[in-house]
Amino acid sequence: MTNYDAHVRKLLETSPNMAVPWMLMASYLYYYREVSLFSDSYFDYLCTMLIQHWTMFEHRHKALILQTDLESGSLYRLKESDYPTICRDTAQMLARQL
């Protein structure tokens, strides 16, 4: 597997709220570990999907993502310390599996 596009696409069919942590993990890895969890086109798709259905999503880390982040297609404004420990740890585990 070269990325998690297909895996996450299938997961979100039944658990759409998981888009929030996957977006955070992908962003963390991209900006702080130079690892791409998703293809660019799938990351863009996630941004669009989150924008379109923003009010529907419920996740404890949703407040970390601003709609302006999604509109720009980047969570670059987040500092490494802004990402929850569970997000950083899980992201690094996923990166090792790539």
PDB file of N, CA and C in Angstrom:
ATOM      1  N   MET A   1       0.849  -1.181   0.000  1.00  0.00           N
ATOM      2  CA  MET A   1       0.000   0.000   0.000  1.00  0.00           C
ATOM      3  C   MET A   1       0.891   1.239   0.000  1.00  0.00           C
ATOM      4  N   THR A   2       0.623   2.132  -0.935  1.00  0.00           N
ATOM      5  CA  THR A   2       1.430   3.344  -0.993  1.00  0.00           C
ATOM      6  C   THR A   2       0.811   4.504  -0.223  1.00  0.00           C
ATOM      7  N   ASN A   3      -0.485   4.423   0.022  1.00  0.00           N
ATOM      8  CA  ASN A   3      -1.149   5.421   0.857  1.00  0.00           C
ATOM      9  C   ASN A   3      -2.447   4.826   1.399  1.00  0.00           C
ATOM     10  N   TYR A   4      -3.152   5.608   2.160  1.00  0.00           N
ATOM     11  CA  TYR A   4      -4.362   5.126   2.829  1.00  0.00           C
ATOM     12  C   TYR A   4      -5.654   5.606   2.160  1.00  0.00           C
ATOM     13  N   ASP A   5      -5.601   6.080   0.955  1.00  0.00           N
ATOM     14  CA  ASP A   5      -6.786   6.610   0.276  1.00  0.00           C
ATOM     15  C   ASP A   5      -7.957   5.620   0.293  1.00  0.00           C
ATOM     16  N   ALA A   6      -7.758   4.441  -0.240  1.00  0.00           N
ATOM     17  CA  ALA A   6      -8.845   3.460  -0.372  1.00  0.00           C
ATOM     18  C   ALA A   6      -9.348   3.008   0.999  1.00  0.00           C
ATOM     19  N   HIS A   7      -8.432   2.793   1.921  1.00  0.00           N
ATOM     20  CA  HIS A   7      -8.811   2.350   3.268  1.00  0.00           C
ATOM     21  C   HIS A   7      -9.730   3.377   3.940  1.00  0.00           C
ATOM     22  N   VAL A   8      -9.340   4.628   3.879  1.00  0.00           N
ATOM     23  CA  VAL A   8     -10.107   5.672   4.548  1.00  0.00           C
ATOM     24  C   VAL A   8     -11.417   5.938   3.805  1.00  0.00           C
ATOM     25  N   ARG A   9     -11.392   5.882   2.509  1.00  0.00           N
ATOM     26  CA  ARG A   9     -12.628   6.067   1.736  1.00  0.00           C
ATOM     27  C   ARG A   9     -13.674   5.048   2.192  1.00  0.00           C
ATOM     28  N   LYS A  10     -13.281   3.803   2.345  1.00  0.00           N
ATOM     29  CA  LYS A  10     -14.201   2.748   2.789  1.00  0.00           C
ATOM     30  C   LYS A  10     -14.632   2.972   4.244  1.00  0.00           C
ATOM     31  N   LEU A  11     -13.701   3.323   5.104  1.00  0.00           N
ATOM     32  CA  LEU A  11     -14.006   3.577   6.513  1.00  0.00           C
ATOM     33  C   LEU A  11     -15.033   4.694   6.677  1.00  0.00           C
ATOM     34  N   LEU A  12     -14.887   5.752   5.899  1.00  0.00           N
ATOM     35  CA  LEU A  12     -15.776   6.909   6.041  1.00  0.00           C
ATOM     36  C   LEU A  12     -17.200   6.633   5.566  1.00  0.00           C
ATOM     37  N   GLU A  13     -17.384   5.577   4.799  1.00  0.00           N
ATOM     38  CA  GLU A  13     -18.740   5.201   4.385  1.00  0.00           C
ATOM     39  C   GLU A  13     -19.593   4.847   5.602  1.00  0.00           C
ATOM     40  N   THR A  14     -18.984   4.229   6.602  1.00  0.00           N
ATOM     41  CA  THR A  14     -19.731   3.806   7.793  1.00  0.00           C
ATOM     42  C   THR A  14     -19.430   4.667   9.021  1.00  0.00           C
ATOM     43  N   SER A  15     -18.296   5.367   9.021  1.00  0.00           N
ATOM     44  CA  SER A  15     -17.897   6.194  10.166  1.00  0.00           C
ATOM     45  C   SER A  15     -17.415   7.562   9.686  1.00  0.00           C
ATOM     46  N   PRO A  16     -18.321   8.397   9.192  1.00  0.00           N
ATOM     47  CA  PRO A  16     -17.887   9.679   8.624  1.00  0.00           C
ATOM     48  C   PRO A  16     -17.173  10.600   9.603  1.00  0.00           C
ATOM     49  N   ASN A  17     -17.465  10.503  10.893  1.00  0.00           N
ATOM     50  CA  ASN A  17     -16.796  11.355  11.874  1.00  0.00           C
ATOM     51  C   ASN A  17     -15.297  11.095  11.943  1.00  0.00           C
ATOM     52  N   MET A  18     -14.868   9.957  11.443  1.00  0.00           N
ATOM     53  CA  MET A  18     -13.439   9.636  11.450  1.00  0.00           C
ATOM     54  C   MET A  18     -12.648  10.496  10.460  1.00  0.00           C
ATOM     55  N   ALA A  19     -13.355  11.272   9.651  1.00  0.00           N
ATOM     56  CA  ALA A  19     -12.660  12.185   8.736  1.00  0.00           C
ATOM     57  C   ALA A  19     -11.824  13.191   9.518  1.00  0.00           C
ATOM     58  N   VAL A  20     -12.295  13.571  10.693  1.00  0.00           N
ATOM     59  CA  VAL A  20     -11.583  14.567  11.503  1.00  0.00           C
ATOM     60  C   VAL A  20     -10.207  14.045  11.941  1.00  0.00           C
ATOM     61  N   PRO A  21     -10.117  12.903  12.630  1.00  0.00           N
ATOM     62  CA  PRO A  21      -8.787  12.448  13.038  1.00  0.00           C
ATOM     63  C   PRO A  21      -7.883  12.078  11.856  1.00  0.00           C
ATOM     64  N   TRP A  22      -8.472  11.540  10.793  1.00  0.00           N
ATOM     65  CA  TRP A  22      -7.635  11.213   9.635  1.00  0.00           C
ATOM     66  C   TRP A  22      -7.070  12.474   8.996  1.00  0.00           C
ATOM     67  N   MET A  23      -7.849  13.525   8.949  1.00  0.00           N
ATOM     68  CA  MET A  23      -7.357  14.799   8.423  1.00  0.00           C
ATOM     69  C   MET A  23      -6.213  15.323   9.295  1.00  0.00           C
ATOM     70  N   LEU A  24      -6.389  15.258  10.594  1.00  0.00           N
ATOM     71  CA  LEU A  24      -5.344  15.717  11.508  1.00  0.00           C
ATOM     72  C   LEU A  24      -4.079  14.868  11.385  1.00  0.00           C
ATOM     73  N   MET A  25      -4.241  13.569  11.318  1.00  0.00           N
ATOM     74  CA  MET A  25      -3.061  12.700  11.211  1.00  0.00           C
ATOM     75  C   MET A  25      -2.323  12.946   9.904  1.00  0.00           C
ATOM     76  N   ALA A  26      -3.069  13.089   8.812  1.00  0.00           N
ATOM     77  CA  ALA A  26      -2.437  13.343   7.514  1.00  0.00           C
ATOM     78  C   ALA A  26      -1.682  14.665   7.526  1.00  0.00           C
ATOM     79  N   SER A  27      -2.272  15.666   8.115  1.00  0.00           N
ATOM     80  CA  SER A  27      -1.641  16.981   8.187  1.00  0.00           C
ATOM     81  C   SER A  27      -0.378  16.936   9.048  1.00  0.00           C
ATOM     82  N   TYR A  28      -0.488  16.312  10.198  1.00  0.00           N
ATOM     83  CA  TYR A  28       0.662  16.190  11.099  1.00  0.00           C
ATOM     84  C   TYR A  28       1.836  15.514  10.393  1.00  0.00           C
ATOM     85  N   LEU A  29       1.577  14.388   9.760  1.00  0.00           N
ATOM     86  CA  LEU A  29       2.652  13.665   9.088  1.00  0.00           C
ATOM     87  C   LEU A  29       3.250  14.468   7.938  1.00  0.00           C
ATOM     88  N   TYR A  30       2.404  15.138   7.188  1.00  0.00           N
ATOM     89  CA  TYR A  30       2.869  15.903   6.039  1.00  0.00           C
ATOM     90  C   TYR A  30       3.778  17.053   6.463  1.00  0.00           C
ATOM     91  N   TYR A  31       3.351  17.801   7.473  1.00  0.00           N
ATOM     92  CA  TYR A  31       4.113  18.992   7.865  1.00  0.00           C
ATOM     93  C   TYR A  31       5.255  18.724   8.836  1.00  0.00           C
ATOM     94  N   TYR A  32       5.156  17.671   9.630  1.00  0.00           N
ATOM     95  CA  TYR A  32       6.166  17.467  10.666  1.00  0.00           C
ATOM     96  C   TYR A  32       6.997  16.203  10.500  1.00  0.00           C
ATOM     97  N   ARG A  33       6.614  15.319   9.580  1.00  0.00           N
ATOM     98  CA  ARG A  33       7.400  14.101   9.362  1.00  0.00           C
ATOM     99  C   ARG A  33       7.696  13.843   7.887  1.00  0.00           C
ATOM    100  N   GLU A  34       7.235  14.765   7.037  1.00  0.00           N
ATOM    101  CA  GLU A  34       7.451  14.663   5.589  1.00  0.00           C
ATOM    102  C   GLU A  34       6.985  13.324   5.032  1.00  0.00           C
ATOM    103  N   VAL A  35       5.812  12.903   5.474  1.00  0.00           N
ATOM    104  CA  VAL A  35       5.187  11.652   5.026  1.00  0.00           C
ATOM    105  C   VAL A  35       3.799  11.986   4.506  1.00  0.00           C
ATOM    106  N   SER A  36       3.453  11.461   3.351  1.00  0.00           N
ATOM    107  CA  SER A  36       2.110  11.664   2.797  1.00  0.00           C
ATOM    108  C   SER A  36       1.259  10.435   3.071  1.00  0.00           C
ATOM    109  N   LEU A  37       0.285  10.603   3.927  1.00  0.00           N
ATOM    110  CA  LEU A  37      -0.637   9.528   4.259  1.00  0.00           C
ATOM    111  C   LEU A  37      -1.619   9.300   3.114  1.00  0.00           C
ATOM    112  N   PHE A  38      -1.972  10.387   2.410  1.00  0.00           N
ATOM    113  CA  PHE A  38      -2.918  10.343   1.300  1.00  0.00           C
ATOM    114  C   PHE A  38      -2.296  10.946   0.055  1.00  0.00           C
ATOM    115  N   SER A  39      -2.906  10.629  -1.070  1.00  0.00           N
ATOM    116  CA  SER A  39      -2.553  11.343  -2.297  1.00  0.00           C
ATOM    117  C   SER A  39      -3.057  12.781  -2.143  1.00  0.00           C
ATOM    118  N   ASP A  40      -2.495  13.695  -2.915  1.00  0.00           N
ATOM    119  CA  ASP A  40      -2.942  15.093  -2.866  1.00  0.00           C
ATOM    120  C   ASP A  40      -4.424  15.201  -3.212  1.00  0.00           C
ATOM    121  N   SER A  41      -4.849  14.423  -4.197  1.00  0.00           N
ATOM    122  CA  SER A  41      -6.252  14.517  -4.618  1.00  0.00           C
ATOM    123  C   SER A  41      -7.193  14.010  -3.522  1.00  0.00           C
ATOM    124  N   TYR A  42      -6.785  12.990  -2.769  1.00  0.00           N
ATOM    125  CA  TYR A  42      -7.666  12.507  -1.706  1.00  0.00           C
ATOM    126  C   TYR A  42      -7.686  13.490  -0.538  1.00  0.00           C
ATOM    127  N   PHE A  43      -6.564  14.107  -0.225  1.00  0.00           N
ATOM    128  CA  PHE A  43      -6.546  15.131   0.822  1.00  0.00           C
ATOM    129  C   PHE A  43      -7.489  16.275   0.442  1.00  0.00           C
ATOM    130  N   ASP A  44      -7.427  16.694  -0.818  1.00  0.00           N
ATOM    131  CA  ASP A  44      -8.321  17.754  -1.295  1.00  0.00           C
ATOM    132  C   ASP A  44      -9.781  17.317  -1.195  1.00  0.00           C
ATOM    133  N   TYR A  45     -10.049  16.052  -1.532  1.00  0.00           N
ATOM    134  CA  TYR A  45     -11.402  15.515  -1.414  1.00  0.00           C
ATOM    135  C   TYR A  45     -11.883  15.593   0.037  1.00  0.00           C
ATOM    136  N   LEU A  46     -11.024  15.199   0.989  1.00  0.00           N
ATOM    137  CA  LEU A  46     -11.401  15.257   2.408  1.00  0.00           C
ATOM    138  C   LEU A  46     -11.725  16.692   2.830  1.00  0.00           C
ATOM    139  N   CYS A  47     -10.925  17.630   2.389  1.00  0.00           N
ATOM    140  CA  CYS A  47     -11.196  19.041   2.706  1.00  0.00           C
ATOM    141  C   CYS A  47     -12.570  19.446   2.192  1.00  0.00           C
ATOM    142  N   THR A  48     -12.854  19.116   0.955  1.00  0.00           N
ATOM    143  CA  THR A  48     -14.138  19.463   0.350  1.00  0.00           C
ATOM    144  C   THR A  48     -15.290  18.784   1.083  1.00  0.00           C
ATOM    145  N   MET A  49     -15.129  17.518   1.387  1.00  0.00           N
ATOM    146  CA  MET A  49     -16.178  16.775   2.080  1.00  0.00           C
ATOM    147  C   MET A  49     -16.435  17.351   3.466  1.00  0.00           C
ATOM    148  N   LEU A  50     -15.386  17.700   4.179  1.00  0.00           N
ATOM    149  CA  LEU A  50     -15.549  18.292   5.499  1.00  0.00           C
ATOM    150  C   LEU A  50     -16.243  19.654   5.416  1.00  0.00           C
ATOM    151  N   ILE A  51     -15.891  20.458   4.427  1.00  0.00           N
ATOM    152  CA  ILE A  51     -16.546  21.752   4.243  1.00  0.00           C
ATOM    153  C   ILE A  51     -18.042  21.555   3.980  1.00  0.00           C
ATOM    154  N   GLN A  52     -18.356  20.667   3.064  1.00  0.00           N
ATOM    155  CA  GLN A  52     -19.751  20.474   2.652  1.00  0.00           C
ATOM    156  C   GLN A  52     -20.644  19.949   3.772  1.00  0.00           C
ATOM    157  N   HIS A  53     -20.074  19.181   4.671  1.00  0.00           N
ATOM    158  CA  HIS A  53     -20.879  18.532   5.714  1.00  0.00           C
ATOM    159  C   HIS A  53     -20.412  18.912   7.120  1.00  0.00           C
ATOM    160  N   TRP A  54     -19.804  20.080   7.257  1.00  0.00           N
ATOM    161  CA  TRP A  54     -19.158  20.501   8.502  1.00  0.00           C
ATOM    162  C   TRP A  54     -20.050  20.340   9.730  1.00  0.00           C
ATOM    163  N   THR A  55     -21.285  20.780   9.648  1.00  0.00           N
ATOM    164  CA  THR A  55     -22.167  20.737  10.815  1.00  0.00           C
ATOM    165  C   THR A  55     -22.541  19.316  11.222  1.00  0.00           C
ATOM    166  N   MET A  56     -22.400  18.375  10.333  1.00  0.00           N
ATOM    167  CA  MET A  56     -22.742  16.985  10.603  1.00  0.00           C
ATOM    168  C   MET A  56     -21.673  16.282  11.460  1.00  0.00           C
ATOM    169  N   PHE A  57     -20.437  16.722  11.346  1.00  0.00           N
ATOM    170  CA  PHE A  57     -19.344  16.010  12.006  1.00  0.00           C
ATOM    171  C   PHE A  57     -19.305  16.280  13.505  1.00  0.00           C
ATOM    172  N   GLU A  58     -19.081  15.208  14.247  1.00  0.00           N
ATOM    173  CA  GLU A  58     -18.906  15.300  15.689  1.00  0.00           C
ATOM    174  C   GLU A  58     -17.656  14.517  16.073  1.00  0.00           C
ATOM    175  N   HIS A  59     -16.702  15.238  16.607  1.00  0.00           N
ATOM    176  CA  HIS A  59     -15.470  14.595  17.064  1.00  0.00           C
ATOM    177  C   HIS A  59     -14.818  15.530  18.079  1.00  0.00           C
ATOM    178  N   ARG A  60     -14.211  14.966  19.089  1.00  0.00           N
ATOM    179  CA  ARG A  60     -13.642  15.794  20.160  1.00  0.00           C
ATOM    180  C   ARG A  60     -12.515  16.710  19.681  1.00  0.00           C
ATOM    181  N   HIS A  61     -11.901  16.402  18.546  1.00  0.00           N
ATOM    182  CA  HIS A  61     -10.809  17.227  18.035  1.00  0.00           C
ATOM    183  C   HIS A  61     -11.227  18.124  16.874  1.00  0.00           C
ATOM    184  N   LYS A  62     -12.513  18.181  16.592  1.00  0.00           N
ATOM    185  CA  LYS A  62     -13.015  18.983  15.473  1.00  0.00           C
ATOM    186  C   LYS A  62     -12.628  20.456  15.616  1.00  0.00           C
ATOM    187  N   ALA A  63     -12.600  20.964  16.825  1.00  0.00           N
ATOM    188  CA  ALA A  63     -12.301  22.388  17.045  1.00  0.00           C
ATOM    189  C   ALA A  63     -10.894  22.781  16.604  1.00  0.00           C
ATOM    190  N   LEU A  64     -10.018  21.810  16.430  1.00  0.00           N
ATOM    191  CA  LEU A  64      -8.662  22.110  15.955  1.00  0.00           C
ATOM    192  C   LEU A  64      -8.639  22.515  14.487  1.00  0.00           C
ATOM    193  N   ILE A  65      -9.677  22.118  13.760  1.00  0.00           N
ATOM    194  CA  ILE A  65      -9.744  22.393  12.323  1.00  0.00           C
ATOM    195  C   ILE A  65     -10.706  23.548  12.091  1.00  0.00           C
ATOM    196  N   LEU A  66     -10.235  24.546  11.404  1.00  0.00           N
ATOM    197  CA  LEU A  66     -11.085  25.680  11.046  1.00  0.00           C
ATOM    198  C   LEU A  66     -11.565  25.516   9.604  1.00  0.00           C
ATOM    199  N   GLN A  67     -12.732  26.044   9.335  1.00  0.00           N
ATOM    200  CA  GLN A  67     -13.220  25.960   7.957  1.00  0.00           C
ATOM    201  C   GLN A  67     -12.288  26.686   6.997  1.00  0.00           C
ATOM    202  N   THR A  68     -11.631  27.727   7.456  1.00  0.00           N
ATOM    203  CA  THR A  68     -10.667  28.421   6.596  1.00  0.00           C
ATOM    204  C   THR A  68      -9.473  27.525   6.268  1.00  0.00           C
ATOM    205  N   ASP A  69      -9.119  26.625   7.190  1.00  0.00           N
ATOM    206  CA  ASP A  69      -8.060  25.644   6.902  1.00  0.00           C
ATOM    207  C   ASP A  69      -8.481  24.766   5.733  1.00  0.00           C
ATOM    208  N   LEU A  70      -9.717  24.287   5.814  1.00  0.00           N
ATOM    209  CA  LEU A  70     -10.229  23.394   4.783  1.00  0.00           C
ATOM    210  C   LEU A  70     -10.347  24.101   3.442  1.00  0.00           C
ATOM    211  N   GLU A  71     -10.774  25.336   3.475  1.00  0.00           N
ATOM    212  CA  GLU A  71     -10.901  26.119   2.240  1.00  0.00           C
ATOM    213  C   GLU A  71      -9.547  26.330   1.575  1.00  0.00           C
ATOM    214  N   SER A  72      -8.511  26.482   2.373  1.00  0.00           N
ATOM    215  CA  SER A  72      -7.171  26.663   1.811  1.00  0.00           C
ATOM    216  C   SER A  72      -6.496  25.325   1.527  1.00  0.00           C
ATOM    217  N   GLY A  73      -7.092  24.234   1.994  1.00  0.00           N
ATOM    218  CA  GLY A  73      -6.528  22.904   1.753  1.00  0.00           C
ATOM    219  C   GLY A  73      -5.293  22.637   2.574  1.00  0.00           C
ATOM    220  N   SER A  74      -5.202  23.250   3.770  1.00  0.00           N
ATOM    221  CA  SER A  74      -3.996  23.130   4.571  1.00  0.00           C
ATOM    222  C   SER A  74      -4.276  23.388   6.050  1.00  0.00           C
ATOM    223  N   LEU A  75      -3.669  22.575   6.884  1.00  0.00           N
ATOM    224  CA  LEU A  75      -3.709  22.818   8.325  1.00  0.00           C
ATOM    225  C   LEU A  75      -2.339  23.305   8.798  1.00  0.00           C
ATOM    226  N   TYR A  76      -1.648  23.995   7.907  1.00  0.00           N
ATOM    227  CA  TYR A  76      -0.298  24.475   8.161  1.00  0.00           C
ATOM    228  C   TYR A  76      -0.204  25.352   9.405  1.00  0.00           C
ATOM    229  N   ARG A  77      -1.270  26.050   9.751  1.00  0.00           N
ATOM    230  CA  ARG A  77      -1.234  26.972  10.892  1.00  0.00           C
ATOM    231  C   ARG A  77      -1.074  26.245  12.222  1.00  0.00           C
ATOM    232  N   LEU A  78      -1.379  24.941  12.271  1.00  0.00           N
ATOM    233  CA  LEU A  78      -1.243  24.203  13.532  1.00  0.00           C
ATOM    234  C   LEU A  78       0.225  23.951  13.850  1.00  0.00           C
ATOM    235  N   LYS A  79       0.596  24.230  15.082  1.00  0.00           N
ATOM    236  CA  LYS A  79       1.941  23.902  15.540  1.00  0.00           C
ATOM    237  C   LYS A  79       1.973  22.415  15.896  1.00  0.00           C
ATOM    238  N   GLU A  80       3.135  21.847  15.910  1.00  0.00           N
ATOM    239  CA  GLU A  80       3.258  20.425  16.232  1.00  0.00           C
ATOM    240  C   GLU A  80       2.618  20.116  17.584  1.00  0.00           C
ATOM    241  N   SER A  81       2.782  21.007  18.539  1.00  0.00           N
ATOM    242  CA  SER A  81       2.227  20.796  19.874  1.00  0.00           C
ATOM    243  C   SER A  81       0.702  20.924  19.914  1.00  0.00           C
ATOM    244  N   ASP A  82       0.090  21.473  18.866  1.00  0.00           N
ATOM    245  CA  ASP A  82      -1.374  21.586  18.811  1.00  0.00           C
ATOM    246  C   ASP A  82      -2.048  20.237  18.574  1.00  0.00           C
ATOM    247  N   TYR A  83      -1.329  19.341  17.946  1.00  0.00           N
ATOM    248  CA  TYR A  83      -1.906  18.034  17.631  1.00  0.00           C
ATOM    249  C   TYR A  83      -1.981  17.187  18.902  1.00  0.00           C
ATOM    250  N   PRO A  84      -3.119  16.563  19.162  1.00  0.00           N
ATOM    251  CA  PRO A  84      -3.240  15.719  20.350  1.00  0.00           C
ATOM    252  C   PRO A  84      -2.245  14.554  20.298  1.00  0.00           C
ATOM    253  N   THR A  85      -1.800  14.124  21.450  1.00  0.00           N
ATOM    254  CA  THR A  85      -0.836  13.022  21.537  1.00  0.00           C
ATOM    255  C   THR A  85      -1.333  11.788  20.806  1.00  0.00           C
ATOM    256  N   ILE A  86      -2.600  11.452  20.963  1.00  0.00           N
ATOM    257  CA  ILE A  86      -3.136  10.265  20.303  1.00  0.00           C
ATOM    258  C   ILE A  86      -3.036  10.405  18.784  1.00  0.00           C
ATOM    259  N   CYS A  87      -3.209  11.593  18.283  1.00  0.00           N
ATOM    260  CA  CYS A  87      -3.094  11.853  16.851  1.00  0.00           C
ATOM    261  C   CYS A  87      -1.649  11.664  16.384  1.00  0.00           C
ATOM    262  N   ARG A  88      -0.720  12.258  17.103  1.00  0.00           N
ATOM    263  CA  ARG A  88       0.693  12.144  16.723  1.00  0.00           C
ATOM    264  C   ARG A  88       1.169  10.695  16.793  1.00  0.00           C
ATOM    265  N   ASP A  89       0.822  10.007  17.881  1.00  0.00           N
ATOM    266  CA  ASP A  89       1.277   8.624  18.059  1.00  0.00           C
ATOM    267  C   ASP A  89       0.688   7.693  17.003  1.00  0.00           C
ATOM    268  N   THR A  90      -0.603   7.825  16.760  1.00  0.00           N
ATOM    269  CA  THR A  90      -1.251   6.964  15.772  1.00  0.00           C
ATOM    270  C   THR A  90      -0.734   7.272  14.374  1.00  0.00           C
ATOM    271  N   ALA A  91      -0.544   8.529  14.076  1.00  0.00           N
ATOM    272  CA  ALA A  91      -0.021   8.915  12.763  1.00  0.00           C
ATOM    273  C   ALA A  91       1.360   8.314  12.521  1.00  0.00           C
ATOM    274  N   GLN A  92       2.209   8.368  13.520  1.00  0.00           N
ATOM    275  CA  GLN A  92       3.549   7.816  13.355  1.00  0.00           C
ATOM    276  C   GLN A  92       3.508   6.292  13.174  1.00  0.00           C
ATOM    277  N   MET A  93       2.589   5.631  13.877  1.00  0.00           N
ATOM    278  CA  MET A  93       2.438   4.193  13.691  1.00  0.00           C
ATOM    279  C   MET A  93       1.995   3.895  12.252  1.00  0.00           C
ATOM    280  N   LEU A  94       1.034   4.661  11.742  1.00  0.00           N
ATOM    281  CA  LEU A  94       0.565   4.468  10.368  1.00  0.00           C
ATOM    282  C   LEU A  94       1.679   4.726   9.360  1.00  0.00           C
ATOM    283  N   ALA A  95       2.474   5.736   9.609  1.00  0.00           N
ATOM    284  CA  ALA A  95       3.570   6.063   8.695  1.00  0.00           C
ATOM    285  C   ALA A  95       4.570   4.918   8.601  1.00  0.00           C
ATOM    286  N   ARG A  96       4.820   4.245   9.713  1.00  0.00           N
ATOM    287  CA  ARG A  96       5.750   3.110   9.701  1.00  0.00           C
ATOM    288  C   ARG A  96       5.210   1.958   8.853  1.00  0.00           C
ATOM    289  N   GLN A  97       3.884   1.874   8.722  1.00  0.00           N
ATOM    290  CA  GLN A  97       3.270   0.797   7.958  1.00  0.00           C
ATOM    291  C   GLN A  97       3.254   1.068   6.452  1.00  0.00           C
ATOM    292  N   LEU A  98       3.526   2.306   6.064  1.00  0.00           N
ATOM    293  CA  LEU A  98       3.528   2.646   4.622  1.00  0.00           C
ATOM    294  C   LEU A  98       4.703   1.992   3.924  1.00  0.00           C
TER     295      LEU A  98
END
